[in-house]
C-alpha atoms as a PDB file:
ATOM      1  CA  MET A   1     -49.345 -89.241 108.083  1.00  0.00           C
ATOM      2  CA  ALA A   2     -45.892 -90.509 109.031  1.00  0.00           C
ATOM      3  CA  ASN A   3     -43.377 -91.222 106.292  1.00  0.00           C
ATOM      4  CA  TRP A   4     -42.563 -94.955 106.367  1.00  0.00           C
ATOM      5  CA  SER A   5     -41.679 -97.895 104.148  1.00  0.00           C
ATOM      6  CA  PHE A   6     -43.014-101.442 104.110  1.00  0.00           C
ATOM      7  CA  LEU A   7     -39.520-102.869 103.680  1.00  0.00           C
ATOM      8  CA  THR A   8     -36.501-102.152 105.816  1.00  0.00           C
ATOM      9  CA  LYS A   9     -33.572-100.369 104.241  1.00  0.00           C
ATOM     10  CA  HIS A  10     -31.735-103.689 104.204  1.00  0.00           C
ATOM     11  CA  GLY A  11     -34.581-105.249 102.227  1.00  0.00           C
ATOM     12  CA  ARG A  12     -34.638-102.332  99.817  1.00  0.00           C
ATOM     13  CA  VAL A  13     -30.870-102.628  99.297  1.00  0.00           C
ATOM     14  CA  LEU A  14     -31.324-106.318  98.490  1.00  0.00           C
ATOM     15  CA  LEU A  15     -33.949-105.391  95.887  1.00  0.00           C
ATOM     16  CA  CYS A  16     -31.556-102.890  94.295  1.00  0.00           C
ATOM     17  CA  ILE A  17     -28.883-105.577  94.121  1.00  0.00           C
ATOM     18  CA  ALA A  18     -31.365-108.150  92.767  1.00  0.00           C
ATOM     19  CA  ARG A  19     -32.251-105.743  89.937  1.00  0.00           C
ATOM     20  CA  ASP A  20     -28.590-105.070  89.122  1.00  0.00           C
ATOM     21  CA  PRO A  21     -25.781-107.043  90.802  1.00  0.00           C
ATOM     22  CA  GLY A  22     -23.320-104.438  89.503  1.00  0.00           C
ATOM     23  CA  VAL A  23     -25.190-101.513  91.056  1.00  0.00           C
ATOM     24  CA  ARG A  24     -23.003 -98.772  92.504  1.00  0.00           C
ATOM     25  CA  LEU A  25     -23.337 -97.517  96.050  1.00  0.00           C
ATOM     26  CA  ARG A  26     -24.232 -94.044  94.773  1.00  0.00           C
ATOM     27  CA  GLU A  27     -27.109 -95.581  92.776  1.00  0.00           C
ATOM     28  CA  ILE A  28     -28.361 -97.456  95.838  1.00  0.00           C
ATOM     29  CA  ALA A  29     -28.133 -94.234  97.846  1.00  0.00           C
ATOM     30  CA  ALA A  30     -30.098 -92.297  95.232  1.00  0.00           C
ATOM     31  CA  GLU A  31     -32.769 -95.014  94.972  1.00  0.00           C
ATOM     32  CA  LEU A  32     -33.251 -95.145  98.746  1.00  0.00           C
ATOM     33  CA  ASP A  33     -32.761 -91.410  99.314  1.00  0.00           C
ATOM     34  CA  ILE A  34     -29.908 -92.006 101.762  1.00  0.00           C
ATOM     35  CA  THR A  35     -26.242 -91.034 101.844  1.00  0.00           C
ATOM     36  CA  GLU A  36     -23.556 -93.097 100.132  1.00  0.00           C
ATOM     37  CA  ARG A  37     -22.074 -93.717 103.568  1.00  0.00           C
ATOM     38  CA  SER A  38     -25.379 -95.239 104.718  1.00  0.00           C
ATOM     39  CA  ALA A  39     -25.545 -97.378 101.565  1.00  0.00           C
ATOM     40  CA  TYR A  40     -21.990 -98.550 102.240  1.00  0.00           C
ATOM     41  CA  ALA A  41     -22.926 -99.455 105.820  1.00  0.00           C
ATOM     42  CA  LEU A  42     -26.085-101.323 104.774  1.00  0.00           C
ATOM     43  CA  VAL A  43     -24.264-103.356 102.112  1.00  0.00           C
ATOM     44  CA  GLY A  44     -21.485-104.011 104.634  1.00  0.00           C
ATOM     45  CA  GLU A  45     -23.978-105.297 107.204  1.00  0.00           C
ATOM     46  CA  LEU A  46     -25.595-107.564 104.613  1.00  0.00           C
ATOM     47  CA  ALA A  47     -22.143-108.877 103.651  1.00  0.00           C
ATOM     48  CA  ALA A  48     -21.098-109.379 107.288  1.00  0.00           C
ATOM     49  CA  SER A  49     -24.312-111.334 107.889  1.00  0.00           C
ATOM     50  CA  GLY A  50     -23.592-113.544 104.889  1.00  0.00           C
ATOM     51  CA  TYR A  51     -26.578-112.441 102.798  1.00  0.00           C
ATOM     52  CA  VAL A  52     -24.437-110.704 100.169  1.00  0.00           C
ATOM     53  CA  VAL A  53     -20.991-111.606  98.854  1.00  0.00           C
ATOM     54  CA  LYS A  54     -18.908-108.811  97.346  1.00  0.00           C
ATOM     55  CA  GLU A  55     -16.876-109.793  94.317  1.00  0.00           C
ATOM     56  CA  ARG A  56     -14.345-107.443  92.796  1.00  0.00           C
ATOM     57  CA  ASN A  57     -14.807-106.952  89.046  1.00  0.00           C
ATOM     58  CA  GLY A  58     -12.066-104.629  87.804  1.00  0.00           C
ATOM     59  CA  ARG A  59     -12.577-101.313  89.579  1.00  0.00           C
ATOM     60  CA  ARG A  60     -16.143-102.132  90.569  1.00  0.00           C
ATOM     61  CA  ASN A  61     -17.887-104.492  92.928  1.00  0.00           C
ATOM     62  CA  ARG A  62     -20.407-107.074  91.884  1.00  0.00           C
ATOM     63  CA  TYR A  63     -22.754-108.363  94.547  1.00  0.00           C
ATOM     64  CA  ILE A  64     -24.010-111.918  94.829  1.00  0.00           C
ATOM     65  CA  ILE A  65     -27.110-112.474  96.952  1.00  0.00           C
ATOM     66  CA  GLN A  66     -27.057-115.734  98.870  1.00  0.00           C
ATOM     67  CA  ARG A  67     -30.594-116.622  97.828  1.00  0.00           C
ATOM     68  CA  HIS A  68     -30.630-119.966  99.639  1.00  0.00           C
ATOM     69  CA  LEU A  69     -30.412-118.363 103.088  1.00  0.00           C
ATOM     70  CA  PRO A  70     -33.544-118.070 105.220  1.00  0.00           C
ATOM     71  CA  LEU A  71     -35.036-114.740 106.158  1.00  0.00           C
ATOM     72  CA  PRO A  72     -33.431-113.598 109.406  1.00  0.00           C
ATOM     73  CA  GLU A  73     -36.729-113.325 111.283  1.00  0.00           C
ATOM     74  CA  ASP A  74     -38.560-116.241 109.643  1.00  0.00           C
ATOM     75  CA  GLU A  75     -36.542-119.383 110.246  1.00  0.00           C
ATOM     76  CA  THR A  76     -39.634-121.432 111.188  1.00  0.00           C
ATOM     77  CA  HIS A  77     -41.453-120.980 107.860  1.00  0.00           C
ATOM     78  CA  GLY A  78     -38.446-121.836 105.711  1.00  0.00           C
ATOM     79  CA  ARG A  79     -38.811-118.947 103.236  1.00  0.00           C
ATOM     80  CA  THR A  80     -35.529-117.997 101.648  1.00  0.00           C
ATOM     81  CA  ILE A  81     -34.220-114.596 100.602  1.00  0.00           C
ATOM     82  CA  GLY A  82     -34.412-115.763  96.987  1.00  0.00           C
ATOM     83  CA  GLU A  83     -38.100-116.686  97.227  1.00  0.00           C
ATOM     84  CA  VAL A  84     -39.045-113.345  98.734  1.00  0.00           C
ATOM     85  CA  LEU A  85     -36.976-111.392  96.211  1.00  0.00           C
ATOM     86  CA  ALA A  86     -38.575-113.371  93.364  1.00  0.00           C
ATOM     87  CA  ASP A  87     -42.038-112.437  94.673  1.00  0.00           C
ATOM     88  CA  PHE A  88     -41.144-108.736  94.814  1.00  0.00           C
ATOM     89  CA  ARG A  89     -39.452-108.816  91.395  1.00  0.00           C
ATOM     90  CA  ALA A  90     -42.517-110.530  89.867  1.00  0.00           C
ATOM     91  CA  GLY A  91     -44.674-107.713  91.246  1.00  0.00           C
ATOM     92  CA  GLU A  92     -42.333-105.090  89.786  1.00  0.00           C
ATOM     93  CA  ILE A  93     -42.416-106.756  86.367  1.00  0.00           C
ATOM     94  CA  ALA A  94     -46.207-107.027  86.425  1.00  0.00           C
ATOM     95  CA  ARG A  95     -46.561-103.321  87.293  1.00  0.00           C
ATOM     96  CA  THR A  96     -44.172-102.390  84.487  1.00  0.00           C
ATOM     97  CA  GLU A  97     -46.096-104.470  81.950  1.00  0.00           C
ATOM     98  CA  LYS A  98     -49.426-102.937  83.020  1.00  0.00           C
ATOM     99  CA  SER A  99     -48.160 -99.389  82.587  1.00  0.00           C
ATOM    100  CA  ALA A 100     -46.654-100.095  79.137  1.00  0.00           C
END
């Protein structure tokens, strides 16, 4: 069977940032099993598209997801990035509570 993921890498990066807005690029890379350079590019693309704002916090970046923006491919249904992330985060929390 082919190795694939339900979410795009961009979506998975957004989930990493939603979990921890102060996440480091090396942590994103490790979570997604990609290089730091790829993580940098993905975060850069999300920032260039307006979905993530980078904010400098000392020597580190903090990322702010623009949750009010619509999904790029779903402008007709009106779902926002924030709504989708909340659904995924709720599923993660429920799985964690079940296993505890």
